[in-house]
C-alpha atoms as a PDB file:
ATOM      1  CA  MET A   1       0.000   0.000   0.000  1.00  0.00           C
ATOM      2  CA  LYS A   2       1.175   3.509  -0.806  1.00  0.00           C
ATOM      3  CA  LYS A   3       2.163   5.838   1.988  1.00  0.00           C
ATOM      4  CA  HIS A   4      -0.290   8.651   2.654  1.00  0.00           C
ATOM      5  CA  SER A   5       1.570  11.946   2.752  1.00  0.00           C
ATOM      6  CA  GLY A   6      -1.441  14.020   3.740  1.00  0.00           C
ATOM      7  CA  MET A   7      -4.205  15.667   1.788  1.00  0.00           C
ATOM      8  CA  ARG A   8      -3.553  18.848  -0.183  1.00  0.00           C
ATOM      9  CA  PRO A   9      -5.974  21.722  -0.760  1.00  0.00           C
ATOM     10  CA  HIS A  10      -6.528  20.906  -4.414  1.00  0.00           C
ATOM     11  CA  ASP A  11      -7.591  17.370  -3.427  1.00  0.00           C
ATOM     12  CA  ILE A  12     -10.816  18.949  -2.155  1.00  0.00           C
ATOM     13  CA  ALA A  13     -11.291  20.773  -5.455  1.00  0.00           C
ATOM     14  CA  ILE A  14     -10.815  17.518  -7.366  1.00  0.00           C
ATOM     15  CA  LEU A  15     -13.323  15.667  -5.174  1.00  0.00           C
ATOM     16  CA  LEU A  16     -15.824  18.498  -5.642  1.00  0.00           C
ATOM     17  CA  LYS A  17     -15.294  18.428  -9.405  1.00  0.00           C
ATOM     18  CA  ILE A  18     -16.158  14.722  -9.338  1.00  0.00           C
ATOM     19  CA  ALA A  19     -19.222  15.514  -7.196  1.00  0.00           C
ATOM     20  CA  SER A  20     -20.299  18.252  -9.623  1.00  0.00           C
ATOM     21  CA  LYS A  21     -20.454  15.672 -12.414  1.00  0.00           C
ATOM     22  CA  GLY A  22     -23.182  13.730 -10.627  1.00  0.00           C
ATOM     23  CA  ASN A  23     -23.830  10.497 -12.519  1.00  0.00           C
ATOM     24  CA  GLN A  24     -21.900  11.535 -15.642  1.00  0.00           C
ATOM     25  CA  ASP A  25     -19.018   9.333 -16.670  1.00  0.00           C
ATOM     26  CA  TRP A  26     -15.635  11.015 -16.380  1.00  0.00           C
ATOM     27  CA  PHE A  27     -11.972  10.260 -16.909  1.00  0.00           C
ATOM     28  CA  MET A  28      -8.959  11.614 -15.060  1.00  0.00           C
ATOM     29  CA  LYS A  29      -7.863  13.388 -18.253  1.00  0.00           C
ATOM     30  CA  ASP A  30     -11.216  15.253 -18.254  1.00  0.00           C
ATOM     31  CA  LEU A  31     -10.631  16.429 -14.687  1.00  0.00           C
ATOM     32  CA  ALA A  32      -7.101  17.512 -15.609  1.00  0.00           C
ATOM     33  CA  TYR A  33      -8.351  19.525 -18.580  1.00  0.00           C
ATOM     34  CA  GLU A  34     -11.303  21.110 -16.769  1.00  0.00           C
ATOM     35  CA  LEU A  35      -9.350  22.014 -13.624  1.00  0.00           C
ATOM     36  CA  GLU A  36      -6.107  22.859 -15.437  1.00  0.00           C
ATOM     37  CA  ILE A  37      -4.208  20.529 -13.106  1.00  0.00           C
ATOM     38  CA  SER A  38      -1.771  17.979 -14.567  1.00  0.00           C
ATOM     39  CA  ALA A  39      -3.046  14.448 -15.141  1.00  0.00           C
ATOM     40  CA  SER A  40      -0.323  13.038 -12.895  1.00  0.00           C
ATOM     41  CA  GLU A  41      -1.382  15.336 -10.045  1.00  0.00           C
ATOM     42  CA  ILE A  42      -5.040  14.319 -10.550  1.00  0.00           C
ATOM     43  CA  SER A  43      -3.973  10.667 -10.282  1.00  0.00           C
ATOM     44  CA  GLU A  44      -1.890  11.280  -7.154  1.00  0.00           C
ATOM     45  CA  SER A  45      -4.737  13.281  -5.612  1.00  0.00           C
ATOM     46  CA  ILE A  46      -7.254  10.524  -6.210  1.00  0.00           C
ATOM     47  CA  ASN A  47      -4.825   8.018  -4.698  1.00  0.00           C
ATOM     48  CA  ARG A  48      -4.515  10.207  -1.572  1.00  0.00           C
ATOM     49  CA  SER A  49      -8.308  10.426  -1.390  1.00  0.00           C
ATOM     50  CA  VAL A  50      -8.625   6.623  -1.654  1.00  0.00           C
ATOM     51  CA  ILE A  51      -6.182   6.189   1.240  1.00  0.00           C
ATOM     52  CA  ALA A  52      -8.069   8.839   3.255  1.00  0.00           C
ATOM     53  CA  GLY A  53     -11.359   7.017   2.604  1.00  0.00           C
ATOM     54  CA  LEU A  54     -12.970   9.921   0.732  1.00  0.00           C
ATOM     55  CA  ILE A  55     -13.313   7.992  -2.529  1.00  0.00           C
ATOM     56  CA  SER A  56     -13.685   4.251  -3.019  1.00  0.00           C
ATOM     57  CA  SER A  57     -10.921   1.968  -4.272  1.00  0.00           C
ATOM     58  CA  ASP A  58     -12.542   1.943  -7.728  1.00  0.00           C
ATOM     59  CA  LYS A  59     -11.386   5.601  -7.881  1.00  0.00           C
ATOM     60  CA  LYS A  60     -14.789   6.659  -9.197  1.00  0.00           C
ATOM     61  CA  THR A  61     -17.275   6.541  -6.310  1.00  0.00           C
ATOM     62  CA  LEU A  62     -17.231   9.272  -3.689  1.00  0.00           C
ATOM     63  CA  ASN A  63     -17.637   8.200  -0.082  1.00  0.00           C
ATOM     64  CA  LYS A  64     -20.241  10.915   0.459  1.00  0.00           C
ATOM     65  CA  LEU A  65     -20.731  10.371   4.196  1.00  0.00           C
ATOM     66  CA  ALA A  66     -16.994  10.588   4.889  1.00  0.00           C
ATOM     67  CA  LEU A  67     -16.685  13.618   2.636  1.00  0.00           C
ATOM     68  CA  LEU A  68     -19.550  15.424   4.386  1.00  0.00           C
ATOM     69  CA  ASP A  69     -18.113  14.504   7.777  1.00  0.00           C
ATOM     70  CA  PHE A  70     -14.739  15.948   6.768  1.00  0.00           C
ATOM     71  CA  PHE A  71     -16.337  19.135   5.424  1.00  0.00           C
ATOM     72  CA  LYS A  72     -18.350  19.575   8.602  1.00  0.00           C
ATOM     73  CA  SER A  73     -15.719  18.674  11.173  1.00  0.00           C
ATOM     74  CA  GLY A  74     -12.277  19.177   9.675  1.00  0.00           C
ATOM     75  CA  LEU A  75     -12.147  21.407   6.623  1.00  0.00           C
ATOM     76  CA  ARG A  76     -11.954  24.758   8.365  1.00  0.00           C
ATOM     77  CA  TYR A  77      -9.151  23.495  10.604  1.00  0.00           C
ATOM     78  CA  VAL A  78      -7.099  21.833   7.878  1.00  0.00           C
ATOM     79  CA  TYR A  79      -7.521  24.579   5.236  1.00  0.00           C
ATOM     80  CA  PRO A  80      -8.222  27.721   7.264  1.00  0.00           C
ATOM     81  CA  GLN A  81      -8.502  31.058   5.552  1.00  0.00           C
ATOM     82  CA  GLN A  82      -8.471  34.631   6.800  1.00  0.00           C
ATOM     83  CA  PRO A  83      -9.949  37.312   4.543  1.00  0.00           C
ATOM     84  CA  GLY A  84      -7.265  39.602   3.148  1.00  0.00           C
ATOM     85  CA  ALA A  85      -7.006  42.948   1.383  1.00  0.00           C
ATOM     86  CA  LEU A  86      -9.695  44.456  -0.850  1.00  0.00           C
ATOM     87  CA  VAL A  87      -9.149  43.217  -4.401  1.00  0.00           C
ATOM     88  CA  ARG A  88     -10.998  42.731  -7.676  1.00  0.00           C
ATOM     89  CA  GLY A  89     -12.123  39.173  -8.183  1.00  0.00           C
ATOM     90  CA  ILE A  90     -14.835  36.553  -8.441  1.00  0.00           C
ATOM     91  CA  ALA A  91     -17.351  36.192  -5.625  1.00  0.00           C
ATOM     92  CA  THR A  92     -17.007  33.254  -3.254  1.00  0.00           C
ATOM     93  CA  ALA A  93     -18.376  32.018   0.104  1.00  0.00           C
ATOM     94  CA  HIS A  94     -21.587  33.850   1.075  1.00  0.00           C
ATOM     95  CA  SER A  95     -20.972  36.462  -1.655  1.00  0.00           C
ATOM     96  CA  ALA A  96     -21.609  33.874  -4.405  1.00  0.00           C
ATOM     97  CA  SER A  97     -24.562  31.730  -5.390  1.00  0.00           C
ATOM     98  CA  PRO A  98     -26.278  29.912  -3.750  1.00  0.00           C
ATOM     99  CA  LEU A  99     -25.627  31.531  -0.346  1.00  0.00           C
ATOM    100  CA  ASN A 100     -25.909  35.111  -1.620  1.00  0.00           C
ATOM    101  CA  SER A 101     -29.669  34.655  -1.967  1.00  0.00           C
ATOM    102  CA  GLN A 102     -29.996  33.721   1.726  1.00  0.00           C
ATOM    103  CA  ILE A 103     -27.365  35.855   3.423  1.00  0.00           C
ATOM    104  CA  ILE A 104     -27.314  39.616   3.109  1.00  0.00           C
ATOM    105  CA  SER A 105     -23.955  41.077   4.056  1.00  0.00           C
ATOM    106  CA  GLU A 106     -21.936  44.219   3.422  1.00  0.00           C
ATOM    107  CA  GLU A 107     -18.855  41.991   3.650  1.00  0.00           C
ATOM    108  CA  ARG A 108     -17.843  40.540   0.266  1.00  0.00           C
ATOM    109  CA  PHE A 109     -15.358  37.745  -0.277  1.00  0.00           C
ATOM    110  CA  VAL A 110     -13.630  37.150  -3.611  1.00  0.00           C
ATOM    111  CA  TRP A 111     -10.902  35.077  -5.190  1.00  0.00           C
ATOM    112  CA  PRO A 112      -8.385  37.542  -6.603  1.00  0.00           C
ATOM    113  CA  PHE A 113      -8.846  37.421 -10.384  1.00  0.00           C
ATOM    114  CA  ALA A 114      -8.003  40.038 -12.996  1.00  0.00           C
ATOM    115  CA  LYS A 115     -11.190  39.317 -14.969  1.00  0.00           C
ATOM    116  CA  GLY A 116     -13.328  39.540 -11.821  1.00  0.00           C
ATOM    117  CA  ASP A 117     -16.301  41.864 -11.656  1.00  0.00           C
ATOM    118  CA  ILE A 118     -16.560  42.765  -7.962  1.00  0.00           C
ATOM    119  CA  ARG A 119     -14.356  44.066  -5.177  1.00  0.00           C
ATOM    120  CA  GLY A 120     -14.106  42.299  -1.877  1.00  0.00           C
ATOM    121  CA  GLN A 121     -11.766  40.815   0.672  1.00  0.00           C
ATOM    122  CA  ALA A 122      -9.357  38.322  -0.843  1.00  0.00           C
ATOM    123  CA  ILE A 123      -9.815  34.627  -0.107  1.00  0.00           C
ATOM    124  CA  GLU A 124      -7.093  32.321  -1.364  1.00  0.00           C
ATOM    125  CA  PRO A 125      -8.672  29.567  -3.480  1.00  0.00           C
ATOM    126  CA  LEU A 126      -7.816  25.926  -2.789  1.00  0.00           C
ATOM    127  CA  HIS A 127      -5.881  25.937  -6.091  1.00  0.00           C
ATOM    128  CA  PRO A 128      -4.776  28.881  -8.258  1.00  0.00           C
ATOM    129  CA  LYS A 129      -6.791  27.627 -11.263  1.00  0.00           C
ATOM    130  CA  ILE A 130     -10.115  27.413  -9.362  1.00  0.00           C
ATOM    131  CA  PRO A 131     -11.486  30.757 -10.633  1.00  0.00           C
ATOM    132  CA  ASP A 132     -10.871  29.716 -14.250  1.00  0.00           C
ATOM    133  CA  ALA A 133     -12.476  26.305 -13.686  1.00  0.00           C
ATOM    134  CA  CYS A 134     -15.508  27.885 -11.991  1.00  0.00           C
ATOM    135  CA  LEU A 135     -16.191  30.134 -14.972  1.00  0.00           C
ATOM    136  CA  LYS A 136     -16.700  26.967 -17.048  1.00  0.00           C
ATOM    137  CA  ASP A 137     -18.893  24.965 -14.619  1.00  0.00           C
ATOM    138  CA  ASP A 138     -21.658  26.508 -12.502  1.00  0.00           C
ATOM    139  CA  ASN A 139     -22.245  23.357 -10.409  1.00  0.00           C
ATOM    140  CA  PHE A 140     -18.568  23.185  -9.499  1.00  0.00           C
ATOM    141  CA  TYR A 141     -18.525  26.936  -8.760  1.00  0.00           C
ATOM    142  CA  GLU A 142     -21.403  26.610  -6.298  1.00  0.00           C
ATOM    143  CA  LEU A 143     -19.757  23.692  -4.483  1.00  0.00           C
ATOM    144  CA  ILE A 144     -16.404  25.483  -4.173  1.00  0.00           C
ATOM    145  CA  ALA A 145     -18.098  28.695  -2.997  1.00  0.00           C
ATOM    146  CA  LEU A 146     -19.943  26.674  -0.346  1.00  0.00           C
ATOM    147  CA  ILE A 147     -16.627  25.147   0.759  1.00  0.00           C
ATOM    148  CA  ASP A 148     -15.212  28.654   1.157  1.00  0.00           C
ATOM    149  CA  ALA A 149     -18.230  29.561   3.296  1.00  0.00           C
ATOM    150  CA  ILE A 150     -17.197  26.729   5.613  1.00  0.00           C
ATOM    151  CA  ARG A 151     -13.576  27.947   5.604  1.00  0.00           C
ATOM    152  CA  VAL A 152     -14.317  31.627   6.379  1.00  0.00           C
ATOM    153  CA  GLY A 153     -17.954  31.882   7.427  1.00  0.00           C
ATOM    154  CA  LYS A 154     -19.611  32.262  10.780  1.00  0.00           C
ATOM    155  CA  VAL A 155     -21.541  29.343  12.271  1.00  0.00           C
ATOM    156  CA  ARG A 156     -24.760  30.229  10.411  1.00  0.00           C
ATOM    157  CA  GLU A 157     -22.989  30.363   7.024  1.00  0.00           C
ATOM    158  CA  GLN A 158     -21.127  27.141   7.783  1.00  0.00           C
ATOM    159  CA  ASN A 159     -24.320  25.280   8.695  1.00  0.00           C
ATOM    160  CA  LEU A 160     -26.184  26.542   5.620  1.00  0.00           C
ATOM    161  CA  ALA A 161     -23.236  25.598   3.417  1.00  0.00           C
ATOM    162  CA  ILE A 162     -23.057  22.067   4.852  1.00  0.00           C
ATOM    163  CA  GLU A 163     -26.787  21.553   4.236  1.00  0.00           C
ATOM    164  CA  MET A 164     -26.518  22.839   0.674  1.00  0.00           C
ATOM    165  CA  ILE A 165     -23.490  20.641  -0.076  1.00  0.00           C
ATOM    166  CA  LYS A 166     -25.305  17.667   1.408  1.00  0.00           C
ATOM    167  CA  LYS A 167     -28.290  18.221  -0.912  1.00  0.00           C
ATOM    168  CA  ARG A 168     -26.069  18.677  -3.949  1.00  0.00           C
ATOM    169  CA  ILE A 169     -23.854  15.636  -3.523  1.00  0.00           C
ATOM    170  CA  SER A 170     -26.542  13.323  -2.140  1.00  0.00           C
ATOM    171  CA  SER A 171     -29.042  13.971  -4.944  1.00  0.00           C
ATOM    172  CA  ASP A 172     -27.170  12.102  -7.658  1.00  0.00           C
END
């Protein structure tokens, strides 16, 4: 068995990309192309996720209960984030859909991105290519934004985000 060297932030993005596909068939090369992460890194990431019990040994089936448990209990401790300077970017956390329809806040969070359309406090994405990938896939964008709400949000935002993620990944 391979040694587990710990999860990396982009492992979460890869698992969420798989979740965003629902019941669609996918290949690792598709994930690599869509996320702009090398195929070898996608493969290594999936192997780490198998060892961590977040995806089954067939490397295709998410262990949804374990994933939700990790999001709820560990994510904000393992990948913490503190809002930074005001920058132009793409909305995330409670500033993006779907939470922005339920939470009204003067505080805006964004991923720094030159092509972004709003100003807000900078949140470092789990991988530098996340903003690009989100512009191509609305389902993935919503899941990643919800993950950021867990990373930086208050208890109310975190609980809403967990419930929304649960509905999205359990419905397929």
